[in-house]
Amino acid sequence: MNPEEYKEWQDKVAADIRELANPINLAELEAKGVFSTEGDWYRIHEFGDLPEAAKSKIAELSQDDKGIKVKFIDTSKLAGIAEKLEQHGL
């Protein structure tokens, strides 16, 4: 990988981390009826209604006789990484 390709790769990774660090407004999605809370899982009522930004933050997915339920990544950890990348000019 030449230096130019490496810089492009760095920029892409940094952009991806910044995007993943954006928190999901879980309360808003629940109020809209996209999912309901079941313990530490979120029961998805209609997967197509889940925004792409939220789909990209799924950490775990399970399916049972009631349908699909998911857990989302902890965006706060990624926010710290994104902040450090920004401090380094990425």
PDB file of N, CA and C in Angstrom:
ATOM      1  N   MET A   1       0.859  -1.166   0.000  1.00  0.00           N
ATOM      2  CA  MET A   1       0.000   0.000   0.000  1.00  0.00           C
ATOM      3  C   MET A   1       0.911   1.236   0.000  1.00  0.00           C
ATOM      4  N   ASN A   2       0.716   2.082  -0.979  1.00  0.00           N
ATOM      5  CA  ASN A   2       1.536   3.293  -1.041  1.00  0.00           C
ATOM      6  C   ASN A   2       0.985   4.344  -0.071  1.00  0.00           C
ATOM      7  N   PRO A   3       1.757   5.402   0.196  1.00  0.00           N
ATOM      8  CA  PRO A   3       1.320   6.410   1.173  1.00  0.00           C
ATOM      9  C   PRO A   3      -0.032   7.045   0.846  1.00  0.00           C
ATOM     10  N   GLU A   4      -0.312   7.270  -0.424  1.00  0.00           N
ATOM     11  CA  GLU A   4      -1.597   7.870  -0.806  1.00  0.00           C
ATOM     12  C   GLU A   4      -2.756   6.917  -0.504  1.00  0.00           C
ATOM     13  N   GLU A   5      -2.570   5.636  -0.817  1.00  0.00           N
ATOM     14  CA  GLU A   5      -3.606   4.635  -0.529  1.00  0.00           C
ATOM     15  C   GLU A   5      -3.804   4.494   0.979  1.00  0.00           C
ATOM     16  N   TYR A   6      -2.702   4.542   1.716  1.00  0.00           N
ATOM     17  CA  TYR A   6      -2.783   4.432   3.172  1.00  0.00           C
ATOM     18  C   TYR A   6      -3.577   5.596   3.759  1.00  0.00           C
ATOM     19  N   LYS A   7      -3.322   6.801   3.258  1.00  0.00           N
ATOM     20  CA  LYS A   7      -4.046   7.988   3.737  1.00  0.00           C
ATOM     21  C   LYS A   7      -5.534   7.866   3.417  1.00  0.00           C
ATOM     22  N   GLU A   8      -5.876   7.393   2.224  1.00  0.00           N
ATOM     23  CA  GLU A   8      -7.283   7.188   1.854  1.00  0.00           C
ATOM     24  C   GLU A   8      -7.936   6.175   2.785  1.00  0.00           C
ATOM     25  N   TRP A   9      -7.209   5.102   3.075  1.00  0.00           N
ATOM     26  CA  TRP A   9      -7.719   4.068   3.975  1.00  0.00           C
ATOM     27  C   TRP A   9      -7.941   4.646   5.373  1.00  0.00           C
ATOM     28  N   GLN A  10      -6.962   5.415   5.870  1.00  0.00           N
ATOM     29  CA  GLN A  10      -7.093   6.047   7.191  1.00  0.00           C
ATOM     30  C   GLN A  10      -8.330   6.938   7.243  1.00  0.00           C
ATOM     31  N   ASP A  11      -8.501   7.751   6.212  1.00  0.00           N
ATOM     32  CA  ASP A  11      -9.643   8.662   6.170  1.00  0.00           C
ATOM     33  C   ASP A  11     -10.959   7.902   6.165  1.00  0.00           C
ATOM     34  N   LYS A  12     -11.014   6.797   5.422  1.00  0.00           N
ATOM     35  CA  LYS A  12     -12.239   5.984   5.348  1.00  0.00           C
ATOM     36  C   LYS A  12     -12.546   5.367   6.706  1.00  0.00           C
ATOM     37  N   VAL A  13     -11.543   4.796   7.346  1.00  0.00           N
ATOM     38  CA  VAL A  13     -11.739   4.187   8.667  1.00  0.00           C
ATOM     39  C   VAL A  13     -12.192   5.243   9.674  1.00  0.00           C
ATOM     40  N   ALA A  14     -11.564   6.406   9.660  1.00  0.00           N
ATOM     41  CA  ALA A  14     -11.942   7.481  10.580  1.00  0.00           C
ATOM     42  C   ALA A  14     -13.382   7.922  10.337  1.00  0.00           C
ATOM     43  N   ALA A  15     -13.775   8.048   9.075  1.00  0.00           N
ATOM     44  CA  ALA A  15     -15.154   8.445   8.745  1.00  0.00           C
ATOM     45  C   ALA A  15     -16.147   7.386   9.211  1.00  0.00           C
ATOM     46  N   ASP A  16     -15.800   6.116   9.021  1.00  0.00           N
ATOM     47  CA  ASP A  16     -16.680   5.028   9.460  1.00  0.00           C
ATOM     48  C   ASP A  16     -16.848   5.043  10.978  1.00  0.00           C
ATOM     49  N   ILE A  17     -15.762   5.268  11.700  1.00  0.00           N
ATOM     50  CA  ILE A  17     -15.836   5.309  13.163  1.00  0.00           C
ATOM     51  C   ILE A  17     -16.682   6.494  13.620  1.00  0.00           C
ATOM     52  N   ARG A  18     -16.498   7.652  12.980  1.00  0.00           N
ATOM     53  CA  ARG A  18     -17.316   8.824  13.345  1.00  0.00           C
ATOM     54  C   ARG A  18     -18.797   8.545  13.105  1.00  0.00           C
ATOM     55  N   GLU A  19     -19.116   7.885  11.996  1.00  0.00           N
ATOM     56  CA  GLU A  19     -20.517   7.558  11.695  1.00  0.00           C
ATOM     57  C   GLU A  19     -21.080   6.592  12.743  1.00  0.00           C
ATOM     58  N   LEU A  20     -20.318   5.568  13.089  1.00  0.00           N
ATOM     59  CA  LEU A  20     -20.778   4.606  14.089  1.00  0.00           C
ATOM     60  C   LEU A  20     -20.888   5.231  15.476  1.00  0.00           C
ATOM     61  N   ALA A  21     -20.116   6.281  15.739  1.00  0.00           N
ATOM     62  CA  ALA A  21     -20.139   6.935  17.046  1.00  0.00           C
ATOM     63  C   ALA A  21     -21.394   7.780  17.254  1.00  0.00           C
ATOM     64  N   ASN A  22     -22.106   8.108  16.178  1.00  0.00           N
ATOM     65  CA  ASN A  22     -23.348   8.878  16.316  1.00  0.00           C
ATOM     66  C   ASN A  22     -24.386   8.018  17.028  1.00  0.00           C
ATOM     67  N   PRO A  23     -24.901   8.495  18.152  1.00  0.00           N
ATOM     68  CA  PRO A  23     -25.858   7.670  18.902  1.00  0.00           C
ATOM     69  C   PRO A  23     -27.190   7.513  18.174  1.00  0.00           C
ATOM     70  N   ILE A  24     -27.858   6.428  18.479  1.00  0.00           N
ATOM     71  CA  ILE A  24     -29.196   6.154  17.956  1.00  0.00           C
ATOM     72  C   ILE A  24     -30.196   6.755  18.945  1.00  0.00           C
ATOM     73  N   ASN A  25     -31.212   7.420  18.448  1.00  0.00           N
ATOM     74  CA  ASN A  25     -32.257   7.958  19.323  1.00  0.00           C
ATOM     75  C   ASN A  25     -33.262   6.829  19.583  1.00  0.00           C
ATOM     76  N   LEU A  26     -32.935   6.003  20.560  1.00  0.00           N
ATOM     77  CA  LEU A  26     -33.752   4.824  20.856  1.00  0.00           C
ATOM     78  C   LEU A  26     -35.155   5.199  21.309  1.00  0.00           C
ATOM     79  N   ALA A  27     -35.273   6.245  22.116  1.00  0.00           N
ATOM     80  CA  ALA A  27     -36.595   6.660  22.609  1.00  0.00           C
ATOM     81  C   ALA A  27     -37.504   7.062  21.451  1.00  0.00           C
ATOM     82  N   GLU A  28     -36.952   7.775  20.481  1.00  0.00           N
ATOM     83  CA  GLU A  28     -37.745   8.203  19.324  1.00  0.00           C
ATOM     84  C   GLU A  28     -38.205   6.998  18.498  1.00  0.00           C
ATOM     85  N   LEU A  29     -37.295   6.062  18.258  1.00  0.00           N
ATOM     86  CA  LEU A  29     -37.660   4.881  17.469  1.00  0.00           C
ATOM     87  C   LEU A  29     -38.695   4.026  18.193  1.00  0.00           C
ATOM     88  N   GLU A  30     -38.566   3.923  19.507  1.00  0.00           N
ATOM     89  CA  GLU A  30     -39.553   3.157  20.271  1.00  0.00           C
ATOM     90  C   GLU A  30     -40.908   3.862  20.236  1.00  0.00           C
ATOM     91  N   ALA A  31     -40.906   5.192  20.362  1.00  0.00           N
ATOM     92  CA  ALA A  31     -42.156   5.962  20.316  1.00  0.00           C
ATOM     93  C   ALA A  31     -42.845   5.823  18.959  1.00  0.00           C
ATOM     94  N   LYS A  32     -42.056   5.676  17.899  1.00  0.00           N
ATOM     95  CA  LYS A  32     -42.611   5.500  16.549  1.00  0.00           C
ATOM     96  C   LYS A  32     -43.099   4.071  16.312  1.00  0.00           C
ATOM     97  N   GLY A  33     -42.832   3.180  17.267  1.00  0.00           N
ATOM     98  CA  GLY A  33     -43.284   1.805  17.139  1.00  0.00           C
ATOM     99  C   GLY A  33     -42.378   0.920  16.312  1.00  0.00           C
ATOM    100  N   VAL A  34     -41.144   1.362  16.094  1.00  0.00           N
ATOM    101  CA  VAL A  34     -40.196   0.563  15.313  1.00  0.00           C
ATOM    102  C   VAL A  34     -39.803  -0.690  16.091  1.00  0.00           C
ATOM    103  N   PHE A  35     -39.673  -0.558  17.406  1.00  0.00           N
ATOM    104  CA  PHE A  35     -39.344  -1.700  18.258  1.00  0.00           C
ATOM    105  C   PHE A  35     -39.921  -1.486  19.641  1.00  0.00           C
ATOM    106  N   SER A  36     -39.868  -2.531  20.437  1.00  0.00           N
ATOM    107  CA  SER A  36     -40.207  -2.439  21.854  1.00  0.00           C
ATOM    108  C   SER A  36     -39.059  -3.065  22.637  1.00  0.00           C
ATOM    109  N   THR A  37     -38.912  -2.645  23.869  1.00  0.00           N
ATOM    110  CA  THR A  37     -37.821  -3.123  24.707  1.00  0.00           C
ATOM    111  C   THR A  37     -38.222  -4.419  25.399  1.00  0.00           C
ATOM    112  N   GLU A  38     -37.317  -5.385  25.359  1.00  0.00           N
ATOM    113  CA  GLU A  38     -37.482  -6.658  26.085  1.00  0.00           C
ATOM    114  C   GLU A  38     -36.186  -6.915  26.836  1.00  0.00           C
ATOM    115  N   GLY A  39     -36.135  -6.494  28.078  1.00  0.00           N
ATOM    116  CA  GLY A  39     -34.894  -6.616  28.846  1.00  0.00           C
ATOM    117  C   GLY A  39     -33.838  -5.730  28.216  1.00  0.00           C
ATOM    118  N   ASP A  40     -32.682  -6.316  27.890  1.00  0.00           N
ATOM    119  CA  ASP A  40     -31.644  -5.523  27.228  1.00  0.00           C
ATOM    120  C   ASP A  40     -31.654  -5.730  25.710  1.00  0.00           C
ATOM    121  N   TRP A  41     -32.738  -6.305  25.203  1.00  0.00           N
ATOM    122  CA  TRP A  41     -32.938  -6.506  23.763  1.00  0.00           C
ATOM    123  C   TRP A  41     -33.990  -5.532  23.248  1.00  0.00           C
ATOM    124  N   TYR A  42     -33.972  -5.310  21.946  1.00  0.00           N
ATOM    125  CA  TYR A  42     -34.983  -4.495  21.275  1.00  0.00           C
ATOM    126  C   TYR A  42     -35.699  -5.388  20.266  1.00  0.00           C
ATOM    127  N   ARG A  43     -37.010  -5.603  20.490  1.00  0.00           N
ATOM    128  CA  ARG A  43     -37.823  -6.433  19.609  1.00  0.00           C
ATOM    129  C   ARG A  43     -38.230  -5.587  18.407  1.00  0.00           C
ATOM    130  N   ILE A  44     -37.748  -5.936  17.231  1.00  0.00           N
ATOM    131  CA  ILE A  44     -38.029  -5.180  16.014  1.00  0.00           C
ATOM    132  C   ILE A  44     -39.393  -5.600  15.486  1.00  0.00           C
ATOM    133  N   HIS A  45     -40.269  -4.625  15.291  1.00  0.00           N
ATOM    134  CA  HIS A  45     -41.621  -4.927  14.808  1.00  0.00           C
ATOM    135  C   HIS A  45     -41.630  -5.112  13.298  1.00  0.00           C
ATOM    136  N   GLU A  46     -40.928  -4.258  12.579  1.00  0.00           N
ATOM    137  CA  GLU A  46     -40.813  -4.376  11.122  1.00  0.00           C
ATOM    138  C   GLU A  46     -39.395  -3.948  10.758  1.00  0.00           C
ATOM    139  N   PHE A  47     -38.569  -4.933  10.383  1.00  0.00           N
ATOM    140  CA  PHE A  47     -37.151  -4.651  10.156  1.00  0.00           C
ATOM    141  C   PHE A  47     -36.944  -3.559   9.109  1.00  0.00           C
ATOM    142  N   GLY A  48     -37.800  -3.493   8.118  1.00  0.00           N
ATOM    143  CA  GLY A  48     -37.687  -2.474   7.076  1.00  0.00           C
ATOM    144  C   GLY A  48     -37.879  -1.063   7.592  1.00  0.00           C
ATOM    145  N   ASP A  49     -38.537  -0.902   8.740  1.00  0.00           N
ATOM    146  CA  ASP A  49     -38.751   0.421   9.332  1.00  0.00           C
ATOM    147  C   ASP A  49     -37.542   0.913  10.129  1.00  0.00           C
ATOM    148  N   LEU A  50     -36.606   0.011  10.397  1.00  0.00           N
ATOM    149  CA  LEU A  50     -35.412   0.391  11.152  1.00  0.00           C
ATOM    150  C   LEU A  50     -34.487   1.193  10.231  1.00  0.00           C
ATOM    151  N   PRO A  51     -34.127   2.424  10.612  1.00  0.00           N
ATOM    152  CA  PRO A  51     -33.261   3.241   9.753  1.00  0.00           C
ATOM    153  C   PRO A  51     -31.911   2.566   9.492  1.00  0.00           C
ATOM    154  N   GLU A  52     -31.335   2.841   8.332  1.00  0.00           N
ATOM    155  CA  GLU A  52     -30.039   2.258   7.969  1.00  0.00           C
ATOM    156  C   GLU A  52     -28.974   2.584   9.013  1.00  0.00           C
ATOM    157  N   ALA A  53     -29.003   3.806   9.546  1.00  0.00           N
ATOM    158  CA  ALA A  53     -28.016   4.194  10.560  1.00  0.00           C
ATOM    159  C   ALA A  53     -28.114   3.289  11.788  1.00  0.00           C
ATOM    160  N   ALA A  54     -29.323   2.872  12.139  1.00  0.00           N
ATOM    161  CA  ALA A  54     -29.504   1.963  13.276  1.00  0.00           C
ATOM    162  C   ALA A  54     -29.106   0.538  12.892  1.00  0.00           C
ATOM    163  N   LYS A  55     -29.433   0.127  11.664  1.00  0.00           N
ATOM    164  CA  LYS A  55     -29.054  -1.223  11.212  1.00  0.00           C
ATOM    165  C   LYS A  55     -27.543  -1.409  11.254  1.00  0.00           C
ATOM    166  N   SER A  56     -26.808  -0.348  10.917  1.00  0.00           N
ATOM    167  CA  SER A  56     -25.346  -0.455  10.901  1.00  0.00           C
ATOM    168  C   SER A  56     -24.759  -0.554  12.307  1.00  0.00           C
ATOM    169  N   LYS A  57     -25.579  -0.317  13.320  1.00  0.00           N
ATOM    170  CA  LYS A  57     -25.105  -0.354  14.703  1.00  0.00           C
ATOM    171  C   LYS A  57     -25.598  -1.583  15.464  1.00  0.00           C
ATOM    172  N   ILE A  58     -26.090  -2.576  14.752  1.00  0.00           N
ATOM    173  CA  ILE A  58     -26.533  -3.814  15.401  1.00  0.00           C
ATOM    174  C   ILE A  58     -25.304  -4.614  15.819  1.00  0.00           C
ATOM    175  N   ALA A  59     -25.236  -4.944  17.099  1.00  0.00           N
ATOM    176  CA  ALA A  59     -24.128  -5.735  17.632  1.00  0.00           C
ATOM    177  C   ALA A  59     -24.495  -7.213  17.700  1.00  0.00           C
ATOM    178  N   GLU A  60     -25.744  -7.499  18.051  1.00  0.00           N
ATOM    179  CA  GLU A  60     -26.231  -8.877  18.153  1.00  0.00           C
ATOM    180  C   GLU A  60     -27.624  -8.945  17.559  1.00  0.00           C
ATOM    181  N   LEU A  61     -27.931 -10.075  16.964  1.00  0.00           N
ATOM    182  CA  LEU A  61     -29.250 -10.296  16.374  1.00  0.00           C
ATOM    183  C   LEU A  61     -29.697 -11.698  16.742  1.00  0.00           C
ATOM    184  N   SER A  62     -30.950 -11.821  17.119  1.00  0.00           N
ATOM    185  CA  SER A  62     -31.512 -13.119  17.471  1.00  0.00           C
ATOM    186  C   SER A  62     -32.913 -13.215  16.879  1.00  0.00           C
ATOM    187  N   GLN A  63     -33.303 -14.417  16.549  1.00  0.00           N
ATOM    188  CA  GLN A  63     -34.650 -14.620  16.020  1.00  0.00           C
ATOM    189  C   GLN A  63     -35.303 -15.760  16.787  1.00  0.00           C
ATOM    190  N   ASP A  64     -36.559 -15.553  17.146  1.00  0.00           N
ATOM    191  CA  ASP A  64     -37.330 -16.595  17.811  1.00  0.00           C
ATOM    192  C   ASP A  64     -38.724 -16.630  17.203  1.00  0.00           C
ATOM    193  N   ASP A  65     -39.653 -17.323  17.850  1.00  0.00           N
ATOM    194  CA  ASP A  65     -41.002 -17.450  17.291  1.00  0.00           C
ATOM    195  C   ASP A  65     -41.766 -16.128  17.261  1.00  0.00           C
ATOM    196  N   LYS A  66     -41.286 -15.107  17.989  1.00  0.00           N
ATOM    197  CA  LYS A  66     -41.932 -13.788  17.982  1.00  0.00           C
ATOM    198  C   LYS A  66     -41.341 -12.856  16.925  1.00  0.00           C
ATOM    199  N   GLY A  67     -40.204 -13.227  16.353  1.00  0.00           N
ATOM    200  CA  GLY A  67     -39.559 -12.391  15.341  1.00  0.00           C
ATOM    201  C   GLY A  67     -38.111 -12.084  15.678  1.00  0.00           C
ATOM    202  N   ILE A  68     -37.674 -10.902  15.251  1.00  0.00           N
ATOM    203  CA  ILE A  68     -36.273 -10.501  15.385  1.00  0.00           C
ATOM    204  C   ILE A  68     -36.099  -9.573  16.583  1.00  0.00           C
ATOM    205  N   LYS A  69     -35.010  -9.800  17.311  1.00  0.00           N
ATOM    206  CA  LYS A  69     -34.626  -8.869  18.362  1.00  0.00           C
ATOM    207  C   LYS A  69     -33.131  -8.593  18.217  1.00  0.00           C
ATOM    208  N   VAL A  70     -32.729  -7.390  18.622  1.00  0.00           N
ATOM    209  CA  VAL A  70     -31.348  -6.967  18.430  1.00  0.00           C
ATOM    210  C   VAL A  70     -30.805  -6.279  19.674  1.00  0.00           C
ATOM    211  N   LYS A  71     -29.487  -6.184  19.719  1.00  0.00           N
ATOM    212  CA  LYS A  71     -28.770  -5.327  20.658  1.00  0.00           C
ATOM    213  C   LYS A  71     -27.907  -4.413  19.798  1.00  0.00           C
ATOM    214  N   PHE A  72     -27.754  -3.170  20.239  1.00  0.00           N
ATOM    215  CA  PHE A  72     -26.968  -2.198  19.496  1.00  0.00           C
ATOM    216  C   PHE A  72     -25.601  -2.000  20.142  1.00  0.00           C
ATOM    217  N   ILE A  73     -24.641  -1.554  19.334  1.00  0.00           N
ATOM    218  CA  ILE A  73     -23.307  -1.267  19.859  1.00  0.00           C
ATOM    219  C   ILE A  73     -23.375  -0.094  20.830  1.00  0.00           C
ATOM    220  N   ASP A  74     -22.394  -0.012  21.696  1.00  0.00           N
ATOM    221  CA  ASP A  74     -22.276   1.108  22.631  1.00  0.00           C
ATOM    222  C   ASP A  74     -21.535   2.227  21.906  1.00  0.00           C
ATOM    223  N   THR A  75     -22.275   3.210  21.429  1.00  0.00           N
ATOM    224  CA  THR A  75     -21.668   4.285  20.641  1.00  0.00           C
ATOM    225  C   THR A  75     -20.764   5.185  21.477  1.00  0.00           C
ATOM    226  N   SER A  76     -20.923   5.184  22.792  1.00  0.00           N
ATOM    227  CA  SER A  76     -20.094   6.062  23.631  1.00  0.00           C
ATOM    228  C   SER A  76     -18.620   5.662  23.558  1.00  0.00           C
ATOM    229  N   LYS A  77     -18.336   4.374  23.449  1.00  0.00           N
ATOM    230  CA  LYS A  77     -16.946   3.921  23.328  1.00  0.00           C
ATOM    231  C   LYS A  77     -16.345   4.409  22.015  1.00  0.00           C
ATOM    232  N   LEU A  78     -17.126   4.328  20.949  1.00  0.00           N
ATOM    233  CA  LEU A  78     -16.643   4.781  19.651  1.00  0.00           C
ATOM    234  C   LEU A  78     -16.491   6.295  19.607  1.00  0.00           C
ATOM    235  N   ALA A  79     -17.300   7.009  20.372  1.00  0.00           N
ATOM    236  CA  ALA A  79     -17.183   8.470  20.419  1.00  0.00           C
ATOM    237  C   ALA A  79     -15.812   8.870  20.963  1.00  0.00           C
ATOM    238  N   GLY A  80     -15.330   8.151  21.948  1.00  0.00           N
ATOM    239  CA  GLY A  80     -13.996   8.418  22.493  1.00  0.00           C
ATOM    240  C   GLY A  80     -12.904   8.170  21.468  1.00  0.00           C
ATOM    241  N   ILE A  81     -13.054   7.100  20.692  1.00  0.00           N
ATOM    242  CA  ILE A  81     -12.083   6.805  19.634  1.00  0.00           C
ATOM    243  C   ILE A  81     -12.142   7.883  18.559  1.00  0.00           C
ATOM    244  N   ALA A  82     -13.356   8.290  18.180  1.00  0.00           N
ATOM    245  CA  ALA A  82     -13.520   9.333  17.162  1.00  0.00           C
ATOM    246  C   ALA A  82     -12.864  10.634  17.626  1.00  0.00           C
ATOM    247  N   GLU A  83     -12.999  10.948  18.899  1.00  0.00           N
ATOM    248  CA  GLU A  83     -12.384  12.163  19.444  1.00  0.00           C
ATOM    249  C   GLU A  83     -10.862  12.093  19.348  1.00  0.00           C
ATOM    250  N   LYS A  84     -10.292  10.940  19.671  1.00  0.00           N
ATOM    251  CA  LYS A  84      -8.837  10.777  19.579  1.00  0.00           C
ATOM    252  C   LYS A  84      -8.366  10.888  18.131  1.00  0.00           C
ATOM    253  N   LEU A  85      -9.129  10.327  17.198  1.00  0.00           N
ATOM    254  CA  LEU A  85      -8.769  10.438  15.785  1.00  0.00           C
ATOM    255  C   LEU A  85      -8.766  11.899  15.346  1.00  0.00           C
ATOM    256  N   GLU A  86      -9.758  12.639  15.808  1.00  0.00           N
ATOM    257  CA  GLU A  86      -9.846  14.057  15.454  1.00  0.00           C
ATOM    258  C   GLU A  86      -8.658  14.830  16.022  1.00  0.00           C
ATOM    259  N   GLN A  87      -8.238  14.478  17.224  1.00  0.00           N
ATOM    260  CA  GLN A  87      -7.081  15.136  17.834  1.00  0.00           C
ATOM    261  C   GLN A  87      -5.811  14.896  17.022  1.00  0.00           C
ATOM    262  N   HIS A  88      -5.790  13.771  16.287  1.00  0.00           N
ATOM    263  CA  HIS A  88      -4.636  13.433  15.450  1.00  0.00           C
ATOM    264  C   HIS A  88      -4.829  13.866  13.998  1.00  0.00           C
ATOM    265  N   GLY A  89      -5.841  14.671  13.763  1.00  0.00           N
ATOM    266  CA  GLY A  89      -6.049  15.214  12.427  1.00  0.00           C
ATOM    267  C   GLY A  89      -6.692  14.268  11.440  1.00  0.00           C
ATOM    268  N   LEU A  90      -7.367  13.252  11.930  1.00  0.00           N
ATOM    269  CA  LEU A  90      -8.041  12.298  11.033  1.00  0.00           C
ATOM    270  C   LEU A  90      -9.534  12.498  11.067  1.00  0.00           C
TER     271      LEU A  90
END
